[in-house]
Protein backbone atom coordinates (compact mmCIF):
# COMPACT_ATOMS: atom_id res chain seq x y z
CA UNK A 1 26.59 47.89 -6.32
CA UNK A 2 30.19 49.10 -6.12
CA UNK A 3 32.03 51.63 -4.00
CA UNK A 4 35.07 53.55 -5.32
CA UNK A 5 37.36 56.18 -3.78
CA UNK A 6 36.93 59.75 -4.92
CA UNK A 7 40.03 59.68 -7.13
CA UNK A 8 38.47 56.94 -9.29
CA UNK A 9 36.77 57.91 -12.53
CA UNK A 10 32.96 57.92 -12.00
CA UNK A 11 29.97 58.85 -14.08
CA UNK A 12 26.27 59.28 -13.49
CA UNK A 13 25.39 57.64 -16.82
CA UNK A 14 26.35 54.52 -18.79
CA UNK A 15 30.08 54.19 -19.47
CA UNK A 16 31.53 53.60 -22.91
CA UNK A 17 30.96 50.03 -24.12
CA UNK A 18 28.43 49.26 -21.38
CA UNK A 19 25.30 47.30 -22.42
CA UNK A 20 22.15 49.30 -22.76
CA UNK A 21 20.38 46.83 -20.46
CA UNK A 22 22.26 48.17 -17.42
CA UNK A 23 21.18 51.49 -15.88
CA UNK A 24 23.78 53.15 -13.62
CA UNK A 25 23.71 55.90 -11.01
CA UNK A 26 26.54 57.10 -8.78
CA UNK A 27 26.22 58.92 -5.43
CA UNK A 28 29.05 60.59 -3.45
CA UNK A 29 29.37 59.96 0.30
CA UNK A 30 31.64 61.11 3.10
CA UNK A 31 32.71 58.35 5.42
CA UNK A 32 31.74 58.91 9.06
CA UNK A 33 32.25 56.25 11.68
CA UNK A 34 33.86 53.00 10.49
CA UNK A 35 33.12 49.76 12.36
CA UNK A 36 33.96 46.15 11.57
CA UNK A 37 30.40 45.46 10.46
CA UNK A 38 28.78 48.70 9.30
CA UNK A 39 30.05 52.11 8.25
CA UNK A 40 28.18 55.39 8.60
CA UNK A 41 28.05 57.34 5.32
CA UNK A 42 26.86 60.94 4.88
CA UNK A 43 25.49 62.40 1.66
CA UNK A 44 26.23 65.90 0.51
CA UNK A 45 22.73 66.95 1.57
CA UNK A 46 23.37 65.49 5.04
CA UNK A 47 21.43 62.23 4.79
CA UNK A 48 22.87 59.35 6.80
CA UNK A 49 22.95 55.67 5.76
CA UNK A 50 24.59 52.50 7.02
CA UNK A 51 26.73 50.59 4.57
CA UNK A 52 28.48 47.19 4.94
CA UNK A 53 32.16 47.85 5.72
CA UNK A 54 33.12 44.73 3.81
CA UNK A 55 32.06 46.35 0.54
CA UNK A 56 34.18 49.50 0.98
CA UNK A 57 37.60 49.82 -0.73
CA UNK A 58 40.67 49.09 1.36
CA UNK A 59 42.14 52.01 3.26
CA UNK A 60 38.86 53.86 3.70
CA UNK A 61 38.58 55.60 7.04
CA UNK A 62 36.61 58.40 8.70
CA UNK A 63 36.65 61.43 6.41
CA UNK A 64 37.24 59.49 3.19
CA UNK A 65 35.02 60.32 0.25
CA UNK A 66 33.58 57.44 -1.77
CA UNK A 67 31.29 57.12 -4.73
CA UNK A 68 28.72 54.28 -4.68
CA UNK A 69 27.37 53.13 -8.03
CA UNK A 70 24.07 51.25 -8.24
CA UNK A 71 23.40 49.24 -11.39
CA UNK A 72 20.16 47.70 -12.61
CA UNK A 73 20.74 44.60 -14.74
CA UNK A 74 17.74 44.26 -17.03
CA UNK A 75 19.17 41.21 -18.80
CA UNK A 76 19.41 39.33 -15.49
CA UNK A 77 15.92 40.49 -14.51
CA UNK A 78 14.55 39.11 -17.76
CA UNK A 79 16.40 35.83 -17.27
CA UNK A 80 15.07 35.38 -13.73
CA UNK A 81 11.57 36.33 -14.86
CA UNK A 82 11.65 33.55 -17.47
CA UNK A 83 13.00 31.07 -14.91
CA UNK A 84 10.20 31.95 -12.49
CA UNK A 85 7.38 31.43 -14.99
CA UNK A 86 8.99 28.25 -16.31
CA UNK A 87 8.83 26.93 -12.74
CA UNK A 88 5.15 27.97 -12.46
CA UNK A 89 4.36 26.09 -15.68
CA UNK A 90 6.16 23.03 -14.34
CA UNK A 91 4.19 23.16 -11.08
CA UNK A 92 0.94 23.57 -13.02
CA UNK A 93 1.72 20.57 -15.24
CA UNK A 94 2.60 18.39 -12.25
CA UNK A 95 0.00 19.45 -9.69
CA UNK A 96 -2.64 21.65 -11.32
CA UNK A 97 -3.81 19.65 -14.33
CA UNK A 98 -4.61 16.44 -12.41
CA UNK A 99 -6.66 17.47 -9.36
CA UNK A 100 -8.03 14.89 -6.89
CA UNK A 101 -11.18 13.11 -8.00
CA UNK A 102 -14.40 13.55 -6.05
CA UNK A 103 -15.44 10.22 -4.50
CA UNK A 104 -18.77 8.60 -5.38
CA UNK A 105 -20.73 7.26 -2.41
CA UNK A 106 -23.13 4.29 -2.55
CA UNK A 107 -25.31 2.33 -0.13
CA UNK A 108 -24.13 -1.27 -0.07
CA UNK A 109 -26.71 -2.74 2.28
CA UNK A 110 -29.51 -1.83 4.70
CA UNK A 111 -31.24 -3.51 7.61
CA UNK A 112 -33.65 -2.29 10.29
CA UNK A 113 -30.85 -0.63 12.27
CA UNK A 114 -27.70 -0.63 10.13
CA UNK A 115 -26.43 0.90 6.90
CA UNK A 116 -23.21 0.04 5.11
CA UNK A 117 -21.76 2.73 2.86
CA UNK A 118 -19.10 2.10 0.25
CA UNK A 119 -17.01 4.11 -2.20
CA UNK A 120 -14.22 3.48 -4.69
CA UNK A 121 -10.56 3.78 -3.74
CA UNK A 122 -9.44 7.40 -3.44
CA UNK A 123 -7.70 8.96 -6.44
CA UNK A 124 -5.80 12.03 -5.21
CA UNK A 125 -3.06 12.19 -7.88
CA UNK A 126 -0.34 14.50 -6.50
CA UNK A 127 -2.40 15.81 -3.56
CA UNK A 128 -1.79 14.61 0.00
CA UNK A 129 -4.61 13.19 2.12
CA UNK A 130 -5.49 14.94 5.38
CA UNK A 131 -8.58 13.02 6.57
CA UNK A 132 -11.72 11.16 5.47
CA UNK A 133 -14.95 11.55 7.42
CA UNK A 134 -18.47 10.14 7.17
CA UNK A 135 -21.47 12.43 7.74
CA UNK A 136 -25.00 11.36 8.67
CA UNK A 137 -27.70 14.01 8.28
CA UNK A 138 -24.92 16.60 8.11
CA UNK A 139 -23.25 15.46 11.36
CA UNK A 140 -19.74 14.00 11.39
CA UNK A 141 -19.68 10.42 12.67
CA UNK A 142 -17.03 9.70 15.31
CA UNK A 143 -13.35 10.02 14.48
CA UNK A 144 -11.83 10.29 11.03
CA UNK A 145 -11.50 6.94 9.27
CA UNK A 146 -8.22 5.17 9.96
CA UNK A 147 -6.20 3.94 6.95
CA UNK A 148 -8.45 5.76 4.44
CA UNK A 149 -6.42 4.50 1.47
CA UNK A 150 -7.29 0.92 2.46
CA UNK A 151 -10.84 1.51 3.73
CA UNK A 152 -13.71 1.80 1.26
CA UNK A 153 -16.64 0.85 3.50
CA UNK A 154 -18.25 2.17 6.66
CA UNK A 155 -20.93 0.56 8.80
CA UNK A 156 -23.38 2.66 10.79
CA UNK A 157 -25.33 0.96 13.56
CA UNK A 158 -28.02 1.97 16.00
CA UNK A 159 -30.27 3.53 13.34
CA UNK A 160 -34.01 3.85 13.88
CA UNK A 161 -36.40 1.46 12.17
CA UNK A 162 -38.08 2.71 8.98
CA UNK A 163 -36.33 6.10 8.99
CA UNK A 164 -34.74 8.00 6.10
CA UNK A 165 -31.15 9.20 6.45
CA UNK A 166 -28.81 11.25 4.29
CA UNK A 167 -25.09 10.47 4.04
CA UNK A 168 -21.96 11.84 2.41
CA UNK A 169 -18.21 11.63 2.92
CA UNK A 170 -15.76 14.53 3.15
CA UNK A 171 -12.14 14.15 2.04
CA UNK A 172 -9.66 16.80 3.14
CA UNK A 173 -6.53 17.05 0.97
CA UNK A 174 -3.64 19.43 0.41
CA UNK A 175 -5.52 20.59 -2.70
CA UNK A 176 -8.73 21.38 -0.83
CA UNK A 177 -11.77 19.56 0.56
CA UNK A 178 -13.78 17.16 -1.59
CA UNK A 179 -17.41 16.28 -0.84
CA UNK A 180 -19.02 13.21 -2.30
CA UNK A 181 -22.52 12.98 -3.64
CA UNK A 182 -25.32 12.79 -1.08
CA UNK A 183 -27.13 9.46 -0.81
CA UNK A 184 -30.42 8.86 0.94
CA UNK A 185 -31.50 5.56 2.43
CA UNK A 186 -34.46 4.36 4.50
CA UNK A 187 -33.96 1.62 7.04
CA UNK A 188 -36.16 -1.46 6.72
CA UNK A 189 -39.37 -2.16 8.54
CA UNK A 190 -39.56 -5.22 10.79
CA UNK A 191 -41.43 -7.07 8.05
CA UNK A 192 -38.67 -6.45 5.49
CA UNK A 193 -36.06 -9.18 5.99
CA UNK A 194 -34.21 -8.69 2.69
CA UNK A 195 -31.28 -7.01 4.43
CA UNK A 196 -30.60 -10.07 6.58
CA UNK A 197 -27.11 -11.47 5.86
CA UNK A 198 -26.36 -14.64 7.76
CA UNK A 199 -23.17 -16.57 8.26
CA UNK A 200 -22.83 -20.03 9.79
CA UNK A 201 -20.79 -21.47 12.60
CA UNK A 202 -20.63 -25.08 13.71
CA UNK A 203 -23.85 -27.07 13.13
CA UNK A 204 -24.82 -30.43 14.55
CA UNK A 205 -25.54 -31.80 11.08
CA UNK A 206 -25.30 -30.87 7.41
CA UNK A 207 -29.05 -31.38 7.12
CA UNK A 208 -29.76 -28.68 9.72
CA UNK A 209 -27.40 -26.33 7.87
CA UNK A 210 -29.10 -26.89 4.52
CA UNK A 211 -32.52 -26.33 6.08
CA UNK A 212 -31.36 -22.94 7.39
CA UNK A 213 -30.09 -21.95 3.95
CA UNK A 214 -33.51 -22.69 2.46
CA UNK A 215 -35.21 -20.60 5.13
CA UNK A 216 -32.90 -17.65 4.41
CA UNK A 217 -33.87 -17.77 0.75
CA UNK A 218 -37.54 -17.95 1.77
CA UNK A 219 -37.37 -14.66 3.71
CA UNK A 220 -35.40 -12.95 0.92
CA UNK A 221 -32.14 -12.76 2.85
CA UNK A 222 -28.63 -13.82 1.91
CA UNK A 223 -25.93 -16.01 3.45
CA UNK A 224 -22.16 -16.09 3.18
CA UNK A 225 -19.42 -18.57 3.97
CA UNK A 226 -17.36 -16.12 6.05
CA UNK A 227 -18.13 -13.31 8.45
CA UNK A 228 -17.86 -9.87 6.84
CA UNK A 229 -18.80 -6.26 7.46
CA UNK A 230 -22.35 -6.87 6.17
CA UNK A 231 -22.99 -9.98 8.30
CA UNK A 232 -26.02 -9.37 10.52
CA UNK A 233 -26.20 -12.68 12.42
CA UNK A 234 -24.19 -15.84 12.98
CA UNK A 235 -26.17 -19.08 13.26
CA UNK A 236 -24.69 -22.12 15.03
CA UNK A 237 -25.42 -24.94 17.46
CA UNK A 238 -22.13 -24.95 19.38
CA UNK A 239 -19.35 -22.51 20.15
CA UNK A 240 -16.02 -22.45 18.35
CA UNK A 241 -14.62 -22.10 14.85
CA UNK A 242 -13.25 -19.24 12.75
CA UNK A 243 -16.60 -17.60 12.04
CA UNK A 244 -17.62 -17.81 15.68
CA UNK A 245 -14.47 -16.00 16.81
CA UNK A 246 -14.86 -13.40 14.06
CA UNK A 247 -18.46 -12.73 15.09
CA UNK A 248 -17.39 -12.27 18.70
CA UNK A 249 -14.71 -9.80 17.66
CA UNK A 250 -17.12 -7.77 15.51
CA UNK A 251 -20.00 -7.86 18.06
CA UNK A 252 -22.29 -9.73 15.67
CA UNK A 253 -25.25 -11.51 17.33
CA UNK A 254 -24.58 -15.24 17.64
CA UNK A 255 -27.93 -17.00 17.69
CA UNK A 256 -29.42 -20.47 17.52
CA UNK A 257 -31.20 -21.59 14.33
CA UNK A 258 -34.48 -21.22 16.21
CA UNK A 259 -34.16 -17.45 15.73
CA UNK A 260 -34.35 -17.88 11.97
CA UNK A 261 -37.32 -20.23 12.26
CA UNK A 262 -39.12 -17.65 14.41
CA UNK A 263 -38.52 -14.93 11.79
CA UNK A 264 -40.01 -17.17 9.12
CA UNK A 265 -42.98 -18.10 11.30
CA UNK A 266 -43.87 -14.54 12.29
CA UNK A 267 -42.77 -13.02 8.95
CA UNK A 268 -40.92 -10.24 10.70
CA UNK A 269 -37.55 -9.67 12.33
CA UNK A 270 -37.35 -11.17 15.80
CA UNK A 271 -35.26 -9.91 18.71
CA UNK A 272 -31.98 -11.81 18.89
CA UNK A 273 -31.53 -11.75 22.66
CA UNK A 274 -33.85 -14.67 23.53
CA UNK A 275 -32.03 -16.84 20.99
CA UNK A 276 -28.41 -16.05 21.91
CA UNK A 277 -26.22 -19.11 21.94
CA UNK A 278 -24.72 -17.84 25.23
CA UNK A 279 -26.82 -15.54 27.36
CA UNK A 280 -25.44 -12.24 28.76
CA UNK A 281 -23.66 -12.44 32.09
CA UNK A 282 -25.21 -11.17 35.32
CA UNK A 283 -23.49 -7.79 35.06
CA UNK A 284 -25.45 -7.05 31.91
CA UNK A 285 -22.54 -7.35 29.49
CA UNK A 286 -22.89 -9.48 26.39
CA UNK A 287 -20.73 -10.90 23.66
CA UNK A 288 -23.01 -9.13 21.22
CA UNK A 289 -22.67 -5.51 22.34
CA UNK A 290 -24.39 -3.12 19.97
CA UNK A 291 -21.63 -0.65 19.10
CA UNK A 292 -20.77 1.22 15.89
CA UNK A 293 -18.40 -0.63 13.62
CA UNK A 294 -16.12 0.75 10.97
CA UNK A 295 -15.13 -1.33 7.96
């Protein structure tokens, strides 16, 4: 867009030698009020517009007549159009062809009152993670999982005995929300002890420890050397040790070996409370509080 005084040569069509890609038009204005920022211009048919004073020729004042030419540059339009779509193709290649992968959910272990879910590490490619949530029977469980890039397991506690539940996880990302597959699981009956996972603390003798390991195999359970997310009970004779402290921290029942012997004798899961290594205090609190745990 250019502005020229009236005595300049103007034309309403393309000038000689001008590229065909540029379309010109020229309109005549009479200058009205001139300010430092904007100038009032009047057309011959008495229309009024505001025009930046900076773009007017020097010496223009109220009463001057100017011609304003408006040019359309088709070559530049075409160039910018190509630049725009080249950018879209680049964005598509970088972000659109590798979308986040939907997580696959699995049941790792079950007991009479707990269920441990697990999934593979998240693969989001270029997308950003917003949150990861666990759903039980369609209801979100607690807060979103902390450190979701480093957490691939979740433990649900307080479930009912011999009940079927449905689970899935929802992953919110900058590329949309992903929902895993639904998995169904039924908690064990009291007679089903296969979900029992026992860890050991300090024993009075190696013989007593080996006897407990044999009993665990007899009921179809498992045992581990260290306390983990799937540990259901800690067996020991005395307090202390790494596993003991870990069990306290994770609210895992710490029981005497007699608990295991009672399970074998009655062929069903026994209540842990009568066999606690240390009984609850008078105020009702216990080292083995039954609270949900996230792994």
